[in-house]
Structures are given as structure tokens and as C-alpha cells.
Amino acid sequence: MDNNTIKFTDAEMQQIGQLQAKYQQKIFELGQLELAKIDLEQQISDLSDAKKKLLGEWTSIQKEENDILQQLSQRYGDGVLSLKDGTFKPNAK
């Protein structure tokens, strides 16, 4: 060590070490948060995909309902269908 070199005290080195440990802890915590965010984004994507699938199935059911109603209307004419007792009452003409 030459005459211009200054050696930190043990207390200063301890402070610097503690500061570095704090940085390392925060880096670790930020990494954990980022991984949690990635997991949540995947869950959101999965939920979005499930919703799209269900909406497609909903549309298919609506089409199926419309097809059945058209068939019944062609067969029996316009009227009121009671699902409770399985009857059909034609509209008065």
C-alpha cells in the first residue's frame, strides 16, 4: 500500500457490506415479484382462453336453440311453448 492509499475502517467496511446486502435482498425481492407477476399473467391468459371457449359454446347453444325453435315453429306455427309441462299453445289467428 502506498502513502496515497486510504484504508477503510472496519466499521466503514461493515456499513458498505450491509448496504450491499440490502441491495442484494431487494434484487431478490424484485425477482420474486416479477415471477409472481408472470404467474398472474399466465392465469389471466388461461382465464381469457376459458372465457373465449365458454362464449363460443354459449353461441353454439343459442344457435341450437334458434334451430329448434324454427323447427317447432315450422311444425306447429307460432305460439307459446311451456317447458314446465311440455305443451304448446298456438297463437290465435
PDB file of N, CA and C in Angstrom:
ATOM      1  N   MET A   1       0.833  -1.156   0.000  1.00  0.00           N
ATOM      2  CA  MET A   1       0.000   0.000   0.000  1.00  0.00           C
ATOM      3  C   MET A   1       0.897   1.244   0.000  1.00  0.00           C
ATOM      4  N   ASP A   2       0.632   2.166  -0.963  1.00  0.00           N
ATOM      5  CA  ASP A   2       1.456   3.376  -0.976  1.00  0.00           C
ATOM      6  C   ASP A   2       0.863   4.432  -0.045  1.00  0.00           C
ATOM      7  N   ASN A   3       1.551   5.543   0.064  1.00  0.00           N
ATOM      8  CA  ASN A   3       1.171   6.592   1.028  1.00  0.00           C
ATOM      9  C   ASN A   3      -0.148   7.275   0.670  1.00  0.00           C
ATOM     10  N   ASN A   4      -0.599   7.217  -0.582  1.00  0.00           N
ATOM     11  CA  ASN A   4      -1.829   7.861  -1.016  1.00  0.00           C
ATOM     12  C   ASN A   4      -3.053   6.964  -0.837  1.00  0.00           C
ATOM     13  N   THR A   5      -2.867   5.724  -0.549  1.00  0.00           N
ATOM     14  CA  THR A   5      -3.966   4.785  -0.403  1.00  0.00           C
ATOM     15  C   THR A   5      -4.553   4.894   0.992  1.00  0.00           C
ATOM     16  N   ILE A   6      -5.893   5.004   1.031  1.00  0.00           N
ATOM     17  CA  ILE A   6      -6.589   5.104   2.310  1.00  0.00           C
ATOM     18  C   ILE A   6      -7.319   3.797   2.558  1.00  0.00           C
ATOM     19  N   LYS A   7      -7.161   3.249   3.716  1.00  0.00           N
ATOM     20  CA  LYS A   7      -7.825   2.009   4.076  1.00  0.00           C
ATOM     21  C   LYS A   7      -9.059   2.354   4.895  1.00  0.00           C
ATOM     22  N   PHE A   8     -10.211   1.774   4.479  1.00  0.00           N
ATOM     23  CA  PHE A   8     -11.438   1.988   5.228  1.00  0.00           C
ATOM     24  C   PHE A   8     -11.328   1.301   6.579  1.00  0.00           C
ATOM     25  N   THR A   9     -12.048   1.857   7.525  1.00  0.00           N
ATOM     26  CA  THR A   9     -12.064   1.239   8.856  1.00  0.00           C
ATOM     27  C   THR A   9     -12.979   0.010   8.814  1.00  0.00           C
ATOM     28  N   ASP A  10     -12.862  -0.812   9.824  1.00  0.00           N
ATOM     29  CA  ASP A  10     -13.728  -1.997   9.907  1.00  0.00           C
ATOM     30  C   ASP A  10     -15.203  -1.589   9.963  1.00  0.00           C
ATOM     31  N   ALA A  11     -15.505  -0.511  10.663  1.00  0.00           N
ATOM     32  CA  ALA A  11     -16.890  -0.026  10.765  1.00  0.00           C
ATOM     33  C   ALA A  11     -17.406   0.421   9.398  1.00  0.00           C
ATOM     34  N   GLU A  12     -16.553   1.132   8.641  1.00  0.00           N
ATOM     35  CA  GLU A  12     -16.946   1.566   7.294  1.00  0.00           C
ATOM     36  C   GLU A  12     -17.151   0.365   6.379  1.00  0.00           C
ATOM     37  N   MET A  13     -16.262  -0.613   6.477  1.00  0.00           N
ATOM     38  CA  MET A  13     -16.401  -1.824   5.656  1.00  0.00           C
ATOM     39  C   MET A  13     -17.693  -2.574   6.022  1.00  0.00           C
ATOM     40  N   GLN A  14     -18.019  -2.548   7.298  1.00  0.00           N
ATOM     41  CA  GLN A  14     -19.247  -3.209   7.748  1.00  0.00           C
ATOM     42  C   GLN A  14     -20.465  -2.478   7.169  1.00  0.00           C
ATOM     43  N   GLN A  15     -20.433  -1.145   7.169  1.00  0.00           N
ATOM     44  CA  GLN A  15     -21.527  -0.354   6.593  1.00  0.00           C
ATOM     45  C   GLN A  15     -21.699  -0.665   5.107  1.00  0.00           C
ATOM     46  N   ILE A  16     -20.581  -0.714   4.408  1.00  0.00           N
ATOM     47  CA  ILE A  16     -20.615  -0.998   2.969  1.00  0.00           C
ATOM     48  C   ILE A  16     -21.159  -2.408   2.729  1.00  0.00           C
ATOM     49  N   GLY A  17     -20.736  -3.347   3.530  1.00  0.00           N
ATOM     50  CA  GLY A  17     -21.228  -4.729   3.403  1.00  0.00           C
ATOM     51  C   GLY A  17     -22.717  -4.820   3.670  1.00  0.00           C
ATOM     52  N   GLN A  18     -23.194  -4.086   4.676  1.00  0.00           N
ATOM     53  CA  GLN A  18     -24.618  -4.084   4.984  1.00  0.00           C
ATOM     54  C   GLN A  18     -25.431  -3.470   3.845  1.00  0.00           C
ATOM     55  N   LEU A  19     -24.902  -2.403   3.278  1.00  0.00           N
ATOM     56  CA  LEU A  19     -25.566  -1.756   2.151  1.00  0.00           C
ATOM     57  C   LEU A  19     -25.655  -2.711   0.958  1.00  0.00           C
ATOM     58  N   GLN A  20     -24.568  -3.403   0.666  1.00  0.00           N
ATOM     59  CA  GLN A  20     -24.573  -4.374  -0.428  1.00  0.00           C
ATOM     60  C   GLN A  20     -25.581  -5.497  -0.156  1.00  0.00           C
ATOM     61  N   ALA A  21     -25.677  -5.941   1.084  1.00  0.00           N
ATOM     62  CA  ALA A  21     -26.635  -6.993   1.445  1.00  0.00           C
ATOM     63  C   ALA A  21     -28.066  -6.503   1.242  1.00  0.00           C
ATOM     64  N   LYS A  22     -28.314  -5.232   1.577  1.00  0.00           N
ATOM     65  CA  LYS A  22     -29.651  -4.659   1.370  1.00  0.00           C
ATOM     66  C   LYS A  22     -30.002  -4.636  -0.117  1.00  0.00           C
ATOM     67  N   TYR A  23     -29.033  -4.227  -0.940  1.00  0.00           N
ATOM     68  CA  TYR A  23     -29.257  -4.234  -2.388  1.00  0.00           C
ATOM     69  C   TYR A  23     -29.562  -5.643  -2.888  1.00  0.00           C
ATOM     70  N   GLN A  24     -28.775  -6.600  -2.444  1.00  0.00           N
ATOM     71  CA  GLN A  24     -28.978  -7.988  -2.858  1.00  0.00           C
ATOM     72  C   GLN A  24     -30.366  -8.495  -2.443  1.00  0.00           C
ATOM     73  N   GLN A  25     -30.806  -8.145  -1.246  1.00  0.00           N
ATOM     74  CA  GLN A  25     -32.129  -8.551  -0.767  1.00  0.00           C
ATOM     75  C   GLN A  25     -33.220  -7.947  -1.638  1.00  0.00           C
ATOM     76  N   LYS A  26     -33.080  -6.681  -1.986  1.00  0.00           N
ATOM     77  CA  LYS A  26     -34.094  -6.015  -2.817  1.00  0.00           C
ATOM     78  C   LYS A  26     -34.102  -6.591  -4.227  1.00  0.00           C
ATOM     79  N   ILE A  27     -32.949  -6.913  -4.750  1.00  0.00           N
ATOM     80  CA  ILE A  27     -32.887  -7.555  -6.071  1.00  0.00           C
ATOM     81  C   ILE A  27     -33.616  -8.894  -6.023  1.00  0.00           C
ATOM     82  N   PHE A  28     -33.394  -9.656  -4.969  1.00  0.00           N
ATOM     83  CA  PHE A  28     -34.074 -10.941  -4.792  1.00  0.00           C
ATOM     84  C   PHE A  28     -35.583 -10.742  -4.701  1.00  0.00           C
ATOM     85  N   GLU A  29     -36.020  -9.754  -3.899  1.00  0.00           N
ATOM     86  CA  GLU A  29     -37.448  -9.493  -3.734  1.00  0.00           C
ATOM     87  C   GLU A  29     -38.091  -9.031  -5.039  1.00  0.00           C
ATOM     88  N   LEU A  30     -37.385  -8.190  -5.799  1.00  0.00           N
ATOM     89  CA  LEU A  30     -37.897  -7.760  -7.103  1.00  0.00           C
ATOM     90  C   LEU A  30     -38.051  -8.946  -8.051  1.00  0.00           C
ATOM     91  N   GLY A  31     -37.105  -9.866  -7.990  1.00  0.00           N
ATOM     92  CA  GLY A  31     -37.206 -11.083  -8.807  1.00  0.00           C
ATOM     93  C   GLY A  31     -38.418 -11.911  -8.417  1.00  0.00           C
ATOM     94  N   GLN A  32     -38.671 -12.021  -7.110  1.00  0.00           N
ATOM     95  CA  GLN A  32     -39.850 -12.762  -6.649  1.00  0.00           C
ATOM     96  C   GLN A  32     -41.137 -12.103  -7.142  1.00  0.00           C
ATOM     97  N   LEU A  33     -41.192 -10.774  -7.062  1.00  0.00           N
ATOM     98  CA  LEU A  33     -42.373 -10.058  -7.554  1.00  0.00           C
ATOM     99  C   LEU A  33     -42.574 -10.275  -9.052  1.00  0.00           C
ATOM    100  N   GLU A  34     -41.496 -10.235  -9.789  1.00  0.00           N
ATOM    101  CA  GLU A  34     -41.598 -10.432 -11.245  1.00  0.00           C
ATOM    102  C   GLU A  34     -42.110 -11.835 -11.564  1.00  0.00           C
ATOM    103  N   LEU A  35     -41.626 -12.830 -10.834  1.00  0.00           N
ATOM    104  CA  LEU A  35     -42.116 -14.198 -11.050  1.00  0.00           C
ATOM    105  C   LEU A  35     -43.593 -14.312 -10.685  1.00  0.00           C
ATOM    106  N   ALA A  36     -44.011 -13.651  -9.604  1.00  0.00           N
ATOM    107  CA  ALA A  36     -45.426 -13.662  -9.217  1.00  0.00           C
ATOM    108  C   ALA A  36     -46.267 -12.985 -10.299  1.00  0.00           C
ATOM    109  N   LYS A  37     -45.750 -11.906 -10.869  1.00  0.00           N
ATOM    110  CA  LYS A  37     -46.450 -11.203 -11.954  1.00  0.00           C
ATOM    111  C   LYS A  37     -46.588 -12.112 -13.176  1.00  0.00           C
ATOM    112  N   ILE A  38     -45.541 -12.821 -13.510  1.00  0.00           N
ATOM    113  CA  ILE A  38     -45.586 -13.742 -14.646  1.00  0.00           C
ATOM    114  C   ILE A  38     -46.646 -14.818 -14.408  1.00  0.00           C
ATOM    115  N   ASP A  39     -46.690 -15.353 -13.187  1.00  0.00           N
ATOM    116  CA  ASP A  39     -47.708 -16.357 -12.852  1.00  0.00           C
ATOM    117  C   ASP A  39     -49.113 -15.789 -13.001  1.00  0.00           C
ATOM    118  N   LEU A  40     -49.323 -14.568 -12.505  1.00  0.00           N
ATOM    119  CA  LEU A  40     -50.644 -13.938 -12.618  1.00  0.00           C
ATOM    120  C   LEU A  40     -51.020 -13.680 -14.079  1.00  0.00           C
ATOM    121  N   GLU A  41     -50.059 -13.241 -14.864  1.00  0.00           N
ATOM    122  CA  GLU A  41     -50.329 -13.001 -16.284  1.00  0.00           C
ATOM    123  C   GLU A  41     -50.721 -14.303 -16.978  1.00  0.00           C
ATOM    124  N   GLN A  42     -50.098 -15.421 -16.596  1.00  0.00           N
ATOM    125  CA  GLN A  42     -50.450 -16.715 -17.176  1.00  0.00           C
ATOM    126  C   GLN A  42     -51.857 -17.118 -16.752  1.00  0.00           C
ATOM    127  N   GLN A  43     -52.193 -16.861 -15.483  1.00  0.00           N
ATOM    128  CA  GLN A  43     -53.538 -17.172 -15.012  1.00  0.00           C
ATOM    129  C   GLN A  43     -54.574 -16.334 -15.755  1.00  0.00           C
ATOM    130  N   ILE A  44     -54.277 -15.056 -15.969  1.00  0.00           N
ATOM    131  CA  ILE A  44     -55.184 -14.181 -16.711  1.00  0.00           C
ATOM    132  C   ILE A  44     -55.350 -14.692 -18.136  1.00  0.00           C
ATOM    133  N   SER A  45     -54.265 -15.103 -18.750  1.00  0.00           N
ATOM    134  CA  SER A  45     -54.325 -15.646 -20.107  1.00  0.00           C
ATOM    135  C   SER A  45     -55.170 -16.921 -20.142  1.00  0.00           C
ATOM    136  N   ASP A  46     -54.962 -17.799 -19.158  1.00  0.00           N
ATOM    137  CA  ASP A  46     -55.740 -19.032 -19.088  1.00  0.00           C
ATOM    138  C   ASP A  46     -57.226 -18.738 -18.896  1.00  0.00           C
ATOM    139  N   LEU A  47     -57.535 -17.769 -18.024  1.00  0.00           N
ATOM    140  CA  LEU A  47     -58.933 -17.391 -17.803  1.00  0.00           C
ATOM    141  C   LEU A  47     -59.542 -16.788 -19.059  1.00  0.00           C
ATOM    142  N   SER A  48     -58.771 -15.991 -19.755  1.00  0.00           N
ATOM    143  CA  SER A  48     -59.249 -15.392 -21.001  1.00  0.00           C
ATOM    144  C   SER A  48     -59.550 -16.470 -22.037  1.00  0.00           C
ATOM    145  N   ASP A  49     -58.662 -17.459 -22.146  1.00  0.00           N
ATOM    146  CA  ASP A  49     -58.891 -18.568 -23.078  1.00  0.00           C
ATOM    147  C   ASP A  49     -60.144 -19.356 -22.694  1.00  0.00           C
ATOM    148  N   ALA A  50     -60.320 -19.605 -21.394  1.00  0.00           N
ATOM    149  CA  ALA A  50     -61.501 -20.340 -20.923  1.00  0.00           C
ATOM    150  C   ALA A  50     -62.769 -19.543 -21.221  1.00  0.00           C
ATOM    151  N   LYS A  51     -62.701 -18.230 -21.041  1.00  0.00           N
ATOM    152  CA  LYS A  51     -63.855 -17.377 -21.323  1.00  0.00           C
ATOM    153  C   LYS A  51     -64.211 -17.418 -22.811  1.00  0.00           C
ATOM    154  N   LYS A  52     -63.196 -17.333 -23.663  1.00  0.00           N
ATOM    155  CA  LYS A  52     -63.446 -17.401 -25.115  1.00  0.00           C
ATOM    156  C   LYS A  52     -64.108 -18.719 -25.486  1.00  0.00           C
ATOM    157  N   LYS A  53     -63.640 -19.807 -24.883  1.00  0.00           N
ATOM    158  CA  LYS A  53     -64.212 -21.122 -25.158  1.00  0.00           C
ATOM    159  C   LYS A  53     -65.673 -21.173 -24.711  1.00  0.00           C
ATOM    160  N   LEU A  54     -65.939 -20.680 -23.508  1.00  0.00           N
ATOM    161  CA  LEU A  54     -67.308 -20.690 -22.996  1.00  0.00           C
ATOM    162  C   LEU A  54     -68.229 -19.801 -23.833  1.00  0.00           C
ATOM    163  N   LEU A  55     -67.729 -18.651 -24.258  1.00  0.00           N
ATOM    164  CA  LEU A  55     -68.545 -17.782 -25.104  1.00  0.00           C
ATOM    165  C   LEU A  55     -68.849 -18.439 -26.450  1.00  0.00           C
ATOM    166  N   GLY A  56     -67.887 -19.189 -26.976  1.00  0.00           N
ATOM    167  CA  GLY A  56     -68.131 -19.939 -28.209  1.00  0.00           C
ATOM    168  C   GLY A  56     -69.192 -21.008 -27.997  1.00  0.00           C
ATOM    169  N   GLU A  57     -69.123 -21.698 -26.865  1.00  0.00           N
ATOM    170  CA  GLU A  57     -70.127 -22.710 -26.544  1.00  0.00           C
ATOM    171  C   GLU A  57     -71.494 -22.066 -26.343  1.00  0.00           C
ATOM    172  N   TRP A  58     -71.506 -20.882 -25.705  1.00  0.00           N
ATOM    173  CA  TRP A  58     -72.753 -20.144 -25.498  1.00  0.00           C
ATOM    174  C   TRP A  58     -73.404 -19.809 -26.840  1.00  0.00           C
ATOM    175  N   THR A  59     -72.600 -19.342 -27.773  1.00  0.00           N
ATOM    176  CA  THR A  59     -73.098 -19.007 -29.107  1.00  0.00           C
ATOM    177  C   THR A  59     -73.652 -20.250 -29.804  1.00  0.00           C
ATOM    178  N   SER A  60     -72.963 -21.369 -29.645  1.00  0.00           N
ATOM    179  CA  SER A  60     -73.441 -22.626 -30.242  1.00  0.00           C
ATOM    180  C   SER A  60     -74.783 -23.036 -29.658  1.00  0.00           C
ATOM    181  N   ILE A  61     -74.931 -22.868 -28.346  1.00  0.00           N
ATOM    182  CA  ILE A  61     -76.204 -23.210 -27.697  1.00  0.00           C
ATOM    183  C   ILE A  61     -77.323 -22.300 -28.197  1.00  0.00           C
ATOM    184  N   GLN A  62     -77.006 -21.014 -28.354  1.00  0.00           N
ATOM    185  CA  GLN A  62     -78.006 -20.082 -28.877  1.00  0.00           C
ATOM    186  C   GLN A  62     -78.438 -20.483 -30.289  1.00  0.00           C
ATOM    187  N   LYS A  63     -77.497 -20.887 -31.112  1.00  0.00           N
ATOM    188  CA  LYS A  63     -77.817 -21.328 -32.474  1.00  0.00           C
ATOM    189  C   LYS A  63     -78.671 -22.590 -32.426  1.00  0.00           C
ATOM    190  N   GLU A  64     -78.298 -23.507 -31.556  1.00  0.00           N
ATOM    191  CA  GLU A  64     -79.070 -24.743 -31.404  1.00  0.00           C
ATOM    192  C   GLU A  64     -80.500 -24.418 -30.957  1.00  0.00           C
ATOM    193  N   GLU A  65     -80.639 -23.493 -30.010  1.00  0.00           N
ATOM    194  CA  GLU A  65     -81.972 -23.082 -29.544  1.00  0.00           C
ATOM    195  C   GLU A  65     -82.771 -22.486 -30.698  1.00  0.00           C
ATOM    196  N   ASN A  66     -82.145 -21.614 -31.467  1.00  0.00           N
ATOM    197  CA  ASN A  66     -82.821 -20.981 -32.592  1.00  0.00           C
ATOM    198  C   ASN A  66     -83.268 -22.025 -33.623  1.00  0.00           C
ATOM    199  N   ASP A  67     -82.403 -22.995 -33.906  1.00  0.00           N
ATOM    200  CA  ASP A  67     -82.745 -24.060 -34.857  1.00  0.00           C
ATOM    201  C   ASP A  67     -83.947 -24.866 -34.374  1.00  0.00           C
ATOM    202  N   ILE A  68     -83.959 -25.221 -33.078  1.00  0.00           N
ATOM    203  CA  ILE A  68     -85.078 -25.982 -32.520  1.00  0.00           C
ATOM    204  C   ILE A  68     -86.366 -25.170 -32.572  1.00  0.00           C
ATOM    205  N   LEU A  69     -86.286 -23.887 -32.219  1.00  0.00           N
ATOM    206  CA  LEU A  69     -87.476 -23.034 -32.261  1.00  0.00           C
ATOM    207  C   LEU A  69     -88.012 -22.891 -33.683  1.00  0.00           C
ATOM    208  N   GLN A  70     -87.108 -22.799 -34.656  1.00  0.00           N
ATOM    209  CA  GLN A  70     -87.541 -22.722 -36.058  1.00  0.00           C
ATOM    210  C   GLN A  70     -88.234 -24.011 -36.485  1.00  0.00           C
ATOM    211  N   GLN A  71     -87.673 -25.144 -36.092  1.00  0.00           N
ATOM    212  CA  GLN A  71     -88.294 -26.443 -36.422  1.00  0.00           C
ATOM    213  C   GLN A  71     -89.686 -26.550 -35.802  1.00  0.00           C
ATOM    214  N   LEU A  72     -89.794 -26.177 -34.531  1.00  0.00           N
ATOM    215  CA  LEU A  72     -91.094 -26.245 -33.853  1.00  0.00           C
ATOM    216  C   LEU A  72     -92.079 -25.268 -34.469  1.00  0.00           C
ATOM    217  N   SER A  73     -91.600 -24.074 -34.834  1.00  0.00           N
ATOM    218  CA  SER A  73     -92.463 -23.079 -35.456  1.00  0.00           C
ATOM    219  C   SER A  73     -92.956 -23.572 -36.810  1.00  0.00           C
ATOM    220  N   GLN A  74     -92.089 -24.224 -37.582  1.00  0.00           N
ATOM    221  CA  GLN A  74     -92.497 -24.771 -38.888  1.00  0.00           C
ATOM    222  C   GLN A  74     -93.520 -25.894 -38.707  1.00  0.00           C
ATOM    223  N   ARG A  75     -93.325 -26.687 -37.680  1.00  0.00           N
ATOM    224  CA  ARG A  75     -94.216 -27.824 -37.441  1.00  0.00           C
ATOM    225  C   ARG A  75     -95.552 -27.388 -36.850  1.00  0.00           C
ATOM    226  N   TYR A  76     -95.530 -26.476 -35.871  1.00  0.00           N
ATOM    227  CA  TYR A  76     -96.745 -26.145 -35.124  1.00  0.00           C
ATOM    228  C   TYR A  76     -97.238 -24.714 -35.335  1.00  0.00           C
ATOM    229  N   GLY A  77     -96.471 -23.884 -35.996  1.00  0.00           N
ATOM    230  CA  GLY A  77     -96.847 -22.488 -36.162  1.00  0.00           C
ATOM    231  C   GLY A  77     -96.373 -21.666 -34.979  1.00  0.00           C
ATOM    232  N   ASP A  78     -96.797 -20.406 -34.972  1.00  0.00           N
ATOM    233  CA  ASP A  78     -96.412 -19.512 -33.879  1.00  0.00           C
ATOM    234  C   ASP A  78     -97.256 -19.805 -32.653  1.00  0.00           C
ATOM    235  N   GLY A  79     -96.638 -19.679 -31.503  1.00  0.00           N
ATOM    236  CA  GLY A  79     -97.367 -19.911 -30.269  1.00  0.00           C
ATOM    237  C   GLY A  79     -96.441 -19.839 -29.078  1.00  0.00           C
ATOM    238  N   VAL A  80     -96.924 -20.402 -27.966  1.00  0.00           N
ATOM    239  CA  VAL A  80     -96.181 -20.354 -26.713  1.00  0.00           C
ATOM    240  C   VAL A  80     -95.868 -21.779 -26.273  1.00  0.00           C
ATOM    241  N   LEU A  81     -94.623 -22.029 -26.031  1.00  0.00           N
ATOM    242  CA  LEU A  81     -94.149 -23.336 -25.578  1.00  0.00           C
ATOM    243  C   LEU A  81     -93.969 -23.287 -24.071  1.00  0.00           C
ATOM    244  N   SER A  82     -94.529 -24.272 -23.373  1.00  0.00           N
ATOM    245  CA  SER A  82     -94.328 -24.376 -21.934  1.00  0.00           C
ATOM    246  C   SER A  82     -93.383 -25.533 -21.669  1.00  0.00           C
ATOM    247  N   LEU A  83     -92.178 -25.215 -21.222  1.00  0.00           N
ATOM    248  CA  LEU A  83     -91.212 -26.261 -20.893  1.00  0.00           C
ATOM    249  C   LEU A  83     -91.600 -26.970 -19.600  1.00  0.00           C
ATOM    250  N   LYS A  84     -92.391 -26.282 -18.771  1.00  0.00           N
ATOM    251  CA  LYS A  84     -92.789 -26.859 -17.484  1.00  0.00           C
ATOM    252  C   LYS A  84     -93.599 -28.134 -17.671  1.00  0.00           C
ATOM    253  N   ASP A  85     -94.570 -28.085 -18.584  1.00  0.00           N
ATOM    254  CA  ASP A  85     -95.398 -29.289 -18.788  1.00  0.00           C
ATOM    255  C   ASP A  85     -95.294 -29.859 -20.202  1.00  0.00           C
ATOM    256  N   GLY A  86     -94.401 -29.293 -21.031  1.00  0.00           N
ATOM    257  CA  GLY A  86     -94.179 -29.837 -22.374  1.00  0.00           C
ATOM    258  C   GLY A  86     -95.341 -29.642 -23.310  1.00  0.00           C
ATOM    259  N   THR A  87     -96.042 -28.498 -23.195  1.00  0.00           N
ATOM    260  CA  THR A  87     -97.191 -28.230 -24.075  1.00  0.00           C
ATOM    261  C   THR A  87     -96.912 -27.021 -24.959  1.00  0.00           C
ATOM    262  N   PHE A  88     -97.718 -26.909 -26.000  1.00  0.00           N
ATOM    263  CA  PHE A  88     -97.620 -25.803 -26.935  1.00  0.00           C
ATOM    264  C   PHE A  88     -99.014 -25.248 -27.149  1.00  0.00           C
ATOM    265  N   LYS A  89     -99.145 -23.943 -27.049  1.00  0.00           N
ATOM    266  CA  LYS A  89    -100.425 -23.293 -27.265  1.00  0.00           C
ATOM    267  C   LYS A  89    -100.301 -22.375 -28.475  1.00  0.00           C
ATOM    268  N   PRO A  90    -100.981 -22.714 -29.577  1.00  0.00           N
ATOM    269  CA  PRO A  90    -100.893 -21.870 -30.785  1.00  0.00           C
ATOM    270  C   PRO A  90    -101.458 -20.477 -30.532  1.00  0.00           C
ATOM    271  N   ASN A  91    -100.880 -19.503 -31.244  1.00  0.00           N
ATOM    272  CA  ASN A  91    -101.424 -18.150 -31.194  1.00  0.00           C
ATOM    273  C   ASN A  91    -102.763 -18.144 -31.901  1.00  0.00           C
ATOM    274  N   ALA A  92    -103.671 -17.323 -31.402  1.00  0.00           N
ATOM    275  CA  ALA A  92    -104.973 -17.185 -32.051  1.00  0.00           C
ATOM    276  C   ALA A  92    -104.787 -16.467 -33.383  1.00  0.00           C
ATOM    277  N   LYS A  93    -105.480 -16.934 -34.417  1.00  0.00           N
ATOM    278  CA  LYS A  93    -105.322 -16.338 -35.754  1.00  0.00           C
ATOM    279  C   LYS A  93    -106.462 -15.433 -36.113  1.00  0.00           C
TER     280      LYS A  93
END
